[in-house]
């Protein structure tokens, strides 16, 4: 039986999510601002992950010795009713691309499609959606 993604949502930010926030702060983009905004707007997201998921997955390994987490993509799991508020918040982050995959459609960045969500191992149902932000 497939469980609805939002059914296990906890309001507190858990240790695993905080580790993701620490990685965001080590990137070249405005990670500290993104983390600050996400922590102060906990009600607009369920979970988020920061990394390099599409190309050159091992580039972070190359740069770790210099203390830099070389990644470029933020995925945010949320629900459709939160997209407008999340979009307003993310407008300050100056991402080069923005896209949303809903259970039944895609909006925004033409490179972010259901097949990418499938590769991430997630099945969206109901009002669940994933926001993808990418920095060049």
N, C-alpha and C. Protein backbone atom coordinates (compact mmCIF):
# COMPACT_ATOMS: atom_id res chain seq x y z
N UNK A 1 0.84 -1.18 0.00
CA UNK A 1 0.00 0.00 0.00
C UNK A 1 0.89 1.24 0.00
N UNK A 2 0.67 2.13 -0.95
CA UNK A 2 1.47 3.35 -1.06
C UNK A 2 0.98 4.37 -0.04
N UNK A 3 1.92 4.86 0.73
CA UNK A 3 1.59 5.84 1.75
C UNK A 3 1.69 7.24 1.18
N UNK A 4 0.78 8.09 1.54
CA UNK A 4 0.79 9.49 1.11
C UNK A 4 2.04 10.16 1.68
N UNK A 5 2.80 10.87 0.85
CA UNK A 5 4.08 11.44 1.26
C UNK A 5 3.97 12.40 2.43
N UNK A 6 2.87 13.09 2.53
CA UNK A 6 2.75 14.10 3.58
C UNK A 6 2.23 13.53 4.89
N UNK A 7 1.88 12.24 4.94
CA UNK A 7 1.27 11.70 6.15
C UNK A 7 2.23 11.62 7.33
N UNK A 8 3.55 11.56 7.08
CA UNK A 8 4.52 11.46 8.16
C UNK A 8 5.17 12.79 8.51
N UNK A 9 4.61 13.86 8.07
CA UNK A 9 5.21 15.18 8.29
C UNK A 9 5.30 15.50 9.78
N UNK A 10 6.47 15.92 10.19
CA UNK A 10 6.69 16.37 11.55
C UNK A 10 7.00 17.86 11.50
N UNK A 11 6.44 18.60 12.41
CA UNK A 11 6.66 20.05 12.41
C UNK A 11 8.10 20.39 12.81
N UNK A 12 8.68 19.63 13.72
CA UNK A 12 10.05 19.91 14.14
C UNK A 12 11.01 19.54 13.00
N UNK A 13 12.12 20.23 12.93
CA UNK A 13 13.14 19.93 11.93
C UNK A 13 14.06 18.86 12.52
N UNK A 14 14.09 17.70 11.88
CA UNK A 14 14.85 16.58 12.43
C UNK A 14 16.34 16.68 12.10
N UNK A 15 17.12 15.77 12.67
CA UNK A 15 18.57 15.80 12.51
C UNK A 15 19.00 15.63 11.05
N UNK A 16 18.36 14.73 10.33
CA UNK A 16 18.71 14.51 8.92
C UNK A 16 18.46 15.76 8.09
N UNK A 17 17.35 16.45 8.34
CA UNK A 17 17.07 17.68 7.61
C UNK A 17 18.08 18.76 7.97
N UNK A 18 18.46 18.84 9.24
CA UNK A 18 19.46 19.82 9.64
C UNK A 18 20.81 19.56 8.98
N UNK A 19 21.15 18.30 8.75
CA UNK A 19 22.38 18.00 8.01
C UNK A 19 22.30 18.54 6.58
N UNK A 20 21.14 18.42 5.96
CA UNK A 20 20.96 18.99 4.62
C UNK A 20 21.14 20.51 4.66
N UNK A 21 20.62 21.13 5.68
CA UNK A 21 20.78 22.59 5.82
C UNK A 21 22.26 22.96 5.97
N UNK A 22 23.01 22.18 6.72
CA UNK A 22 24.44 22.45 6.87
C UNK A 22 25.15 22.35 5.53
N UNK A 23 24.79 21.37 4.71
CA UNK A 23 25.38 21.24 3.38
C UNK A 23 25.02 22.44 2.50
N UNK A 24 23.78 22.91 2.60
CA UNK A 24 23.36 24.07 1.81
C UNK A 24 24.23 25.28 2.15
N UNK A 25 24.56 25.44 3.39
CA UNK A 25 25.36 26.59 3.82
C UNK A 25 26.80 26.52 3.32
N UNK A 26 27.26 25.35 2.88
CA UNK A 26 28.63 25.19 2.37
C UNK A 26 28.73 25.43 0.87
N UNK A 27 27.61 25.64 0.19
CA UNK A 27 27.61 25.86 -1.25
C UNK A 27 27.94 27.30 -1.60
N UNK A 28 28.18 27.55 -2.89
CA UNK A 28 28.52 28.89 -3.35
C UNK A 28 27.31 29.81 -3.47
N UNK A 29 26.14 29.26 -3.72
CA UNK A 29 24.96 30.11 -3.83
C UNK A 29 24.62 30.64 -2.44
N UNK A 30 23.58 31.40 -2.32
CA UNK A 30 23.22 32.06 -1.07
C UNK A 30 22.57 31.07 -0.09
N UNK A 31 23.31 30.05 0.27
CA UNK A 31 22.77 28.98 1.11
C UNK A 31 22.29 29.42 2.47
N UNK A 32 23.01 30.32 3.08
CA UNK A 32 22.59 30.77 4.42
C UNK A 32 21.23 31.46 4.39
N UNK A 33 20.99 32.23 3.34
CA UNK A 33 19.69 32.90 3.21
C UNK A 33 18.59 31.87 2.97
N UNK A 34 18.86 30.89 2.12
CA UNK A 34 17.87 29.84 1.83
C UNK A 34 17.53 29.08 3.10
N UNK A 35 18.54 28.68 3.85
CA UNK A 35 18.32 27.94 5.10
C UNK A 35 17.54 28.80 6.09
N UNK A 36 17.93 30.05 6.24
CA UNK A 36 17.22 30.95 7.14
C UNK A 36 15.74 31.04 6.76
N UNK A 37 15.48 31.25 5.47
CA UNK A 37 14.10 31.38 5.01
C UNK A 37 13.30 30.09 5.21
N UNK A 38 13.91 28.95 4.89
CA UNK A 38 13.20 27.69 5.06
C UNK A 38 12.91 27.41 6.53
N UNK A 39 13.87 27.63 7.39
CA UNK A 39 13.65 27.39 8.82
C UNK A 39 12.58 28.31 9.39
N UNK A 40 12.50 29.53 8.87
CA UNK A 40 11.52 30.49 9.38
C UNK A 40 10.17 30.41 8.69
N UNK A 41 10.05 29.49 7.74
CA UNK A 41 8.78 29.27 7.04
C UNK A 41 8.52 27.77 6.95
N UNK A 42 8.62 27.11 8.07
CA UNK A 42 8.51 25.64 8.14
C UNK A 42 7.18 25.14 7.60
N UNK A 43 6.19 25.96 7.63
CA UNK A 43 4.85 25.53 7.20
C UNK A 43 4.70 25.41 5.69
N UNK A 44 5.68 25.85 4.88
CA UNK A 44 5.52 25.79 3.42
C UNK A 44 6.27 24.62 2.79
N UNK A 45 6.93 23.77 3.58
CA UNK A 45 7.65 22.64 3.01
C UNK A 45 7.57 21.44 3.94
N UNK A 46 7.77 20.27 3.36
CA UNK A 46 7.75 19.02 4.12
C UNK A 46 9.19 18.55 4.36
N UNK A 47 9.98 18.53 3.28
CA UNK A 47 11.38 18.13 3.36
C UNK A 47 12.11 18.75 2.18
N UNK A 48 13.42 18.89 2.31
CA UNK A 48 14.21 19.38 1.19
C UNK A 48 15.58 18.71 1.21
N UNK A 49 16.14 18.62 0.02
CA UNK A 49 17.45 17.99 -0.12
C UNK A 49 18.27 18.81 -1.11
N UNK A 50 19.57 18.96 -0.79
CA UNK A 50 20.49 19.77 -1.58
C UNK A 50 21.59 18.86 -2.11
N UNK A 51 21.82 18.90 -3.41
CA UNK A 51 22.88 18.06 -3.95
C UNK A 51 23.11 18.29 -5.43
N UNK A 52 23.78 17.34 -6.01
CA UNK A 52 24.04 17.31 -7.46
C UNK A 52 23.46 15.98 -7.92
N UNK A 53 22.30 16.02 -8.55
CA UNK A 53 21.55 14.81 -8.82
C UNK A 53 21.52 14.40 -10.28
N UNK A 54 21.79 15.32 -11.18
CA UNK A 54 21.58 15.02 -12.59
C UNK A 54 22.87 14.69 -13.33
N UNK A 55 23.90 15.51 -13.18
CA UNK A 55 25.16 15.33 -13.89
C UNK A 55 26.33 15.46 -12.93
N UNK A 56 27.43 14.79 -13.25
CA UNK A 56 28.68 14.95 -12.50
C UNK A 56 28.48 14.76 -10.99
N UNK A 57 27.89 13.67 -10.62
CA UNK A 57 27.54 13.41 -9.23
C UNK A 57 28.72 13.43 -8.28
N UNK A 58 29.93 13.14 -8.78
CA UNK A 58 31.09 13.05 -7.89
C UNK A 58 31.89 14.35 -7.78
N UNK A 59 31.45 15.42 -8.41
CA UNK A 59 32.15 16.69 -8.28
C UNK A 59 32.30 17.12 -6.81
N UNK A 60 31.31 16.88 -5.95
CA UNK A 60 31.52 17.25 -4.55
C UNK A 60 32.75 16.57 -3.94
N UNK A 61 33.03 15.34 -4.33
CA UNK A 61 34.20 14.64 -3.82
C UNK A 61 35.48 15.38 -4.16
N UNK A 62 35.54 15.93 -5.35
CA UNK A 62 36.72 16.67 -5.80
C UNK A 62 37.00 17.87 -4.91
N UNK A 63 35.95 18.52 -4.41
CA UNK A 63 36.11 19.79 -3.70
C UNK A 63 36.02 19.70 -2.18
N UNK A 64 35.75 18.53 -1.65
CA UNK A 64 35.59 18.40 -0.20
C UNK A 64 36.86 18.78 0.57
N UNK A 65 38.02 18.44 0.05
CA UNK A 65 39.27 18.76 0.75
C UNK A 65 39.44 20.27 0.93
N UNK A 66 38.80 21.06 0.06
CA UNK A 66 38.86 22.53 0.17
C UNK A 66 37.72 23.09 1.01
N UNK A 67 36.89 22.20 1.56
CA UNK A 67 35.80 22.64 2.43
C UNK A 67 34.58 23.14 1.69
N UNK A 68 34.46 22.76 0.44
CA UNK A 68 33.33 23.24 -0.38
C UNK A 68 32.47 22.07 -0.84
N UNK A 69 31.17 22.19 -0.66
CA UNK A 69 30.21 21.19 -1.10
C UNK A 69 29.65 21.67 -2.44
N UNK A 70 30.25 21.20 -3.53
CA UNK A 70 29.96 21.68 -4.87
C UNK A 70 28.70 21.03 -5.42
N UNK A 71 27.60 21.67 -5.18
CA UNK A 71 26.31 21.17 -5.64
C UNK A 71 25.49 22.32 -6.20
N UNK A 72 24.39 21.99 -6.87
CA UNK A 72 23.68 23.03 -7.61
C UNK A 72 22.16 22.94 -7.60
N UNK A 73 21.60 21.93 -6.96
CA UNK A 73 20.16 21.71 -7.08
C UNK A 73 19.51 21.52 -5.72
N UNK A 74 18.38 22.18 -5.54
CA UNK A 74 17.58 22.04 -4.33
C UNK A 74 16.22 21.49 -4.72
N UNK A 75 15.83 20.37 -4.10
CA UNK A 75 14.49 19.81 -4.27
C UNK A 75 13.73 20.05 -2.98
N UNK A 76 12.50 20.51 -3.11
CA UNK A 76 11.65 20.77 -1.95
C UNK A 76 10.35 20.01 -2.12
N UNK A 77 10.05 19.14 -1.18
CA UNK A 77 8.77 18.44 -1.16
C UNK A 77 7.78 19.31 -0.43
N UNK A 78 6.65 19.55 -1.07
CA UNK A 78 5.63 20.42 -0.48
C UNK A 78 4.26 19.97 -0.99
N UNK A 79 3.26 20.80 -0.81
CA UNK A 79 1.93 20.52 -1.34
C UNK A 79 1.47 21.68 -2.22
N UNK A 80 0.54 21.41 -3.09
CA UNK A 80 0.10 22.39 -4.08
C UNK A 80 -0.37 23.70 -3.44
N UNK A 81 -1.01 23.62 -2.30
CA UNK A 81 -1.53 24.84 -1.67
C UNK A 81 -0.43 25.73 -1.09
N UNK A 82 0.80 25.24 -1.04
CA UNK A 82 1.92 26.03 -0.50
C UNK A 82 2.80 26.64 -1.59
N UNK A 83 2.56 26.30 -2.85
CA UNK A 83 3.45 26.71 -3.94
C UNK A 83 3.54 28.23 -4.07
N UNK A 84 2.45 28.92 -3.97
CA UNK A 84 2.47 30.38 -4.14
C UNK A 84 3.36 31.04 -3.08
N UNK A 85 3.22 30.64 -1.83
CA UNK A 85 4.05 31.20 -0.76
C UNK A 85 5.52 30.80 -0.90
N UNK A 86 5.75 29.54 -1.28
CA UNK A 86 7.12 29.07 -1.47
C UNK A 86 7.78 29.80 -2.64
N UNK A 87 7.02 30.03 -3.69
CA UNK A 87 7.53 30.74 -4.86
C UNK A 87 7.93 32.17 -4.49
N UNK A 88 7.11 32.84 -3.70
CA UNK A 88 7.42 34.21 -3.27
C UNK A 88 8.70 34.22 -2.44
N UNK A 89 8.84 33.25 -1.57
CA UNK A 89 10.03 33.15 -0.73
C UNK A 89 11.26 32.87 -1.60
N UNK A 90 11.15 31.94 -2.52
CA UNK A 90 12.27 31.53 -3.36
C UNK A 90 12.69 32.60 -4.36
N UNK A 91 11.84 33.57 -4.62
CA UNK A 91 12.20 34.63 -5.57
C UNK A 91 13.43 35.41 -5.09
N UNK A 92 13.68 35.41 -3.79
CA UNK A 92 14.84 36.11 -3.23
C UNK A 92 16.13 35.29 -3.34
N UNK A 93 16.01 34.00 -3.68
CA UNK A 93 17.17 33.12 -3.70
C UNK A 93 17.93 33.19 -5.02
N UNK A 94 17.36 33.79 -6.02
CA UNK A 94 18.01 34.01 -7.32
C UNK A 94 18.49 32.73 -8.00
N UNK A 95 17.66 31.70 -7.97
CA UNK A 95 17.97 30.46 -8.70
C UNK A 95 17.86 30.74 -10.19
N UNK A 96 18.65 30.02 -10.98
CA UNK A 96 18.62 30.19 -12.43
C UNK A 96 17.45 29.46 -13.08
N UNK A 97 16.96 28.41 -12.43
CA UNK A 97 15.79 27.68 -12.93
C UNK A 97 14.88 27.32 -11.77
N UNK A 98 13.60 27.24 -12.08
CA UNK A 98 12.56 26.89 -11.10
C UNK A 98 11.54 26.02 -11.82
N UNK A 99 11.19 24.91 -11.23
CA UNK A 99 10.17 24.06 -11.82
C UNK A 99 9.41 23.32 -10.73
N UNK A 100 8.19 22.93 -11.07
CA UNK A 100 7.35 22.18 -10.12
C UNK A 100 6.77 20.99 -10.84
N UNK A 101 6.84 19.83 -10.21
CA UNK A 101 6.15 18.65 -10.71
C UNK A 101 5.05 18.32 -9.70
N UNK A 102 3.83 18.36 -10.20
CA UNK A 102 2.65 17.95 -9.43
C UNK A 102 2.35 16.50 -9.77
N UNK A 103 1.45 15.89 -9.05
CA UNK A 103 1.08 14.51 -9.35
C UNK A 103 0.56 14.37 -10.78
N UNK A 104 -0.06 15.43 -11.32
CA UNK A 104 -0.72 15.32 -12.63
C UNK A 104 -0.18 16.28 -13.70
N UNK A 105 0.84 17.08 -13.39
CA UNK A 105 1.34 18.04 -14.39
C UNK A 105 2.71 18.59 -13.98
N UNK A 106 3.34 19.30 -14.94
CA UNK A 106 4.63 19.96 -14.71
C UNK A 106 4.49 21.43 -15.04
N UNK A 107 5.19 22.28 -14.31
CA UNK A 107 5.13 23.72 -14.52
C UNK A 107 6.54 24.28 -14.40
N UNK A 108 6.87 25.23 -15.25
CA UNK A 108 8.15 25.91 -15.13
C UNK A 108 9.23 25.29 -15.97
N UNK A 109 10.38 25.10 -15.35
CA UNK A 109 11.58 24.60 -16.01
C UNK A 109 11.27 23.37 -16.87
N UNK A 110 11.55 23.47 -18.15
CA UNK A 110 11.21 22.38 -19.07
C UNK A 110 12.05 21.13 -18.85
N UNK A 111 13.18 21.24 -18.16
CA UNK A 111 14.02 20.07 -17.90
C UNK A 111 13.55 19.25 -16.71
N UNK A 112 12.65 19.77 -15.92
CA UNK A 112 12.19 19.07 -14.72
C UNK A 112 10.87 18.40 -15.03
N UNK A 113 10.89 17.09 -15.20
CA UNK A 113 9.72 16.32 -15.62
C UNK A 113 9.48 15.16 -14.67
N UNK A 114 8.36 14.48 -14.88
CA UNK A 114 8.03 13.32 -14.05
C UNK A 114 9.10 12.24 -14.09
N UNK A 115 9.79 12.08 -15.23
CA UNK A 115 10.81 11.03 -15.28
C UNK A 115 11.96 11.32 -14.31
N UNK A 116 12.27 12.59 -14.08
CA UNK A 116 13.30 12.92 -13.09
C UNK A 116 12.80 12.60 -11.69
N UNK A 117 11.56 12.88 -11.41
CA UNK A 117 10.97 12.54 -10.11
C UNK A 117 11.00 11.03 -9.93
N UNK A 118 10.67 10.28 -10.98
CA UNK A 118 10.71 8.83 -10.91
C UNK A 118 12.11 8.32 -10.58
N UNK A 119 13.14 8.95 -11.17
CA UNK A 119 14.52 8.55 -10.87
C UNK A 119 14.89 8.82 -9.43
N UNK A 120 14.22 9.79 -8.83
CA UNK A 120 14.46 10.09 -7.42
C UNK A 120 13.77 9.08 -6.50
N UNK A 121 12.93 8.22 -7.08
CA UNK A 121 12.26 7.18 -6.29
C UNK A 121 11.04 7.67 -5.55
N UNK A 122 10.39 8.70 -6.07
CA UNK A 122 9.22 9.26 -5.41
C UNK A 122 8.00 9.13 -6.31
N UNK A 123 6.89 8.73 -5.73
CA UNK A 123 5.62 8.74 -6.43
C UNK A 123 4.74 9.81 -5.81
N UNK A 124 4.36 10.77 -6.60
CA UNK A 124 3.52 11.85 -6.10
C UNK A 124 2.06 11.44 -6.17
N UNK A 125 1.32 11.75 -5.13
CA UNK A 125 -0.11 11.49 -5.10
C UNK A 125 -0.83 12.70 -4.53
N UNK A 126 -2.09 12.81 -4.84
CA UNK A 126 -2.90 13.89 -4.27
C UNK A 126 -2.33 15.26 -4.56
N UNK A 127 -2.15 16.04 -3.51
CA UNK A 127 -1.64 17.41 -3.62
C UNK A 127 -0.13 17.53 -3.50
N UNK A 128 0.58 16.39 -3.37
CA UNK A 128 2.03 16.43 -3.25
C UNK A 128 2.66 17.02 -4.49
N UNK A 129 3.75 17.74 -4.32
CA UNK A 129 4.52 18.23 -5.46
C UNK A 129 5.95 18.44 -5.03
N UNK A 130 6.82 18.51 -6.02
CA UNK A 130 8.24 18.75 -5.77
C UNK A 130 8.66 19.98 -6.54
N UNK A 131 9.32 20.88 -5.85
CA UNK A 131 9.90 22.07 -6.46
C UNK A 131 11.38 21.79 -6.68
N UNK A 132 11.87 22.17 -7.85
CA UNK A 132 13.29 22.03 -8.15
C UNK A 132 13.85 23.41 -8.46
N UNK A 133 14.90 23.78 -7.74
CA UNK A 133 15.62 25.02 -8.00
C UNK A 133 17.05 24.66 -8.38
N UNK A 134 17.57 25.33 -9.39
CA UNK A 134 18.91 25.03 -9.88
C UNK A 134 19.69 26.33 -10.05
N UNK A 135 20.93 26.30 -9.60
CA UNK A 135 21.84 27.43 -9.73
C UNK A 135 22.97 27.06 -10.67
N UNK A 136 23.32 27.95 -11.57
CA UNK A 136 24.42 27.69 -12.50
C UNK A 136 25.74 28.13 -11.92
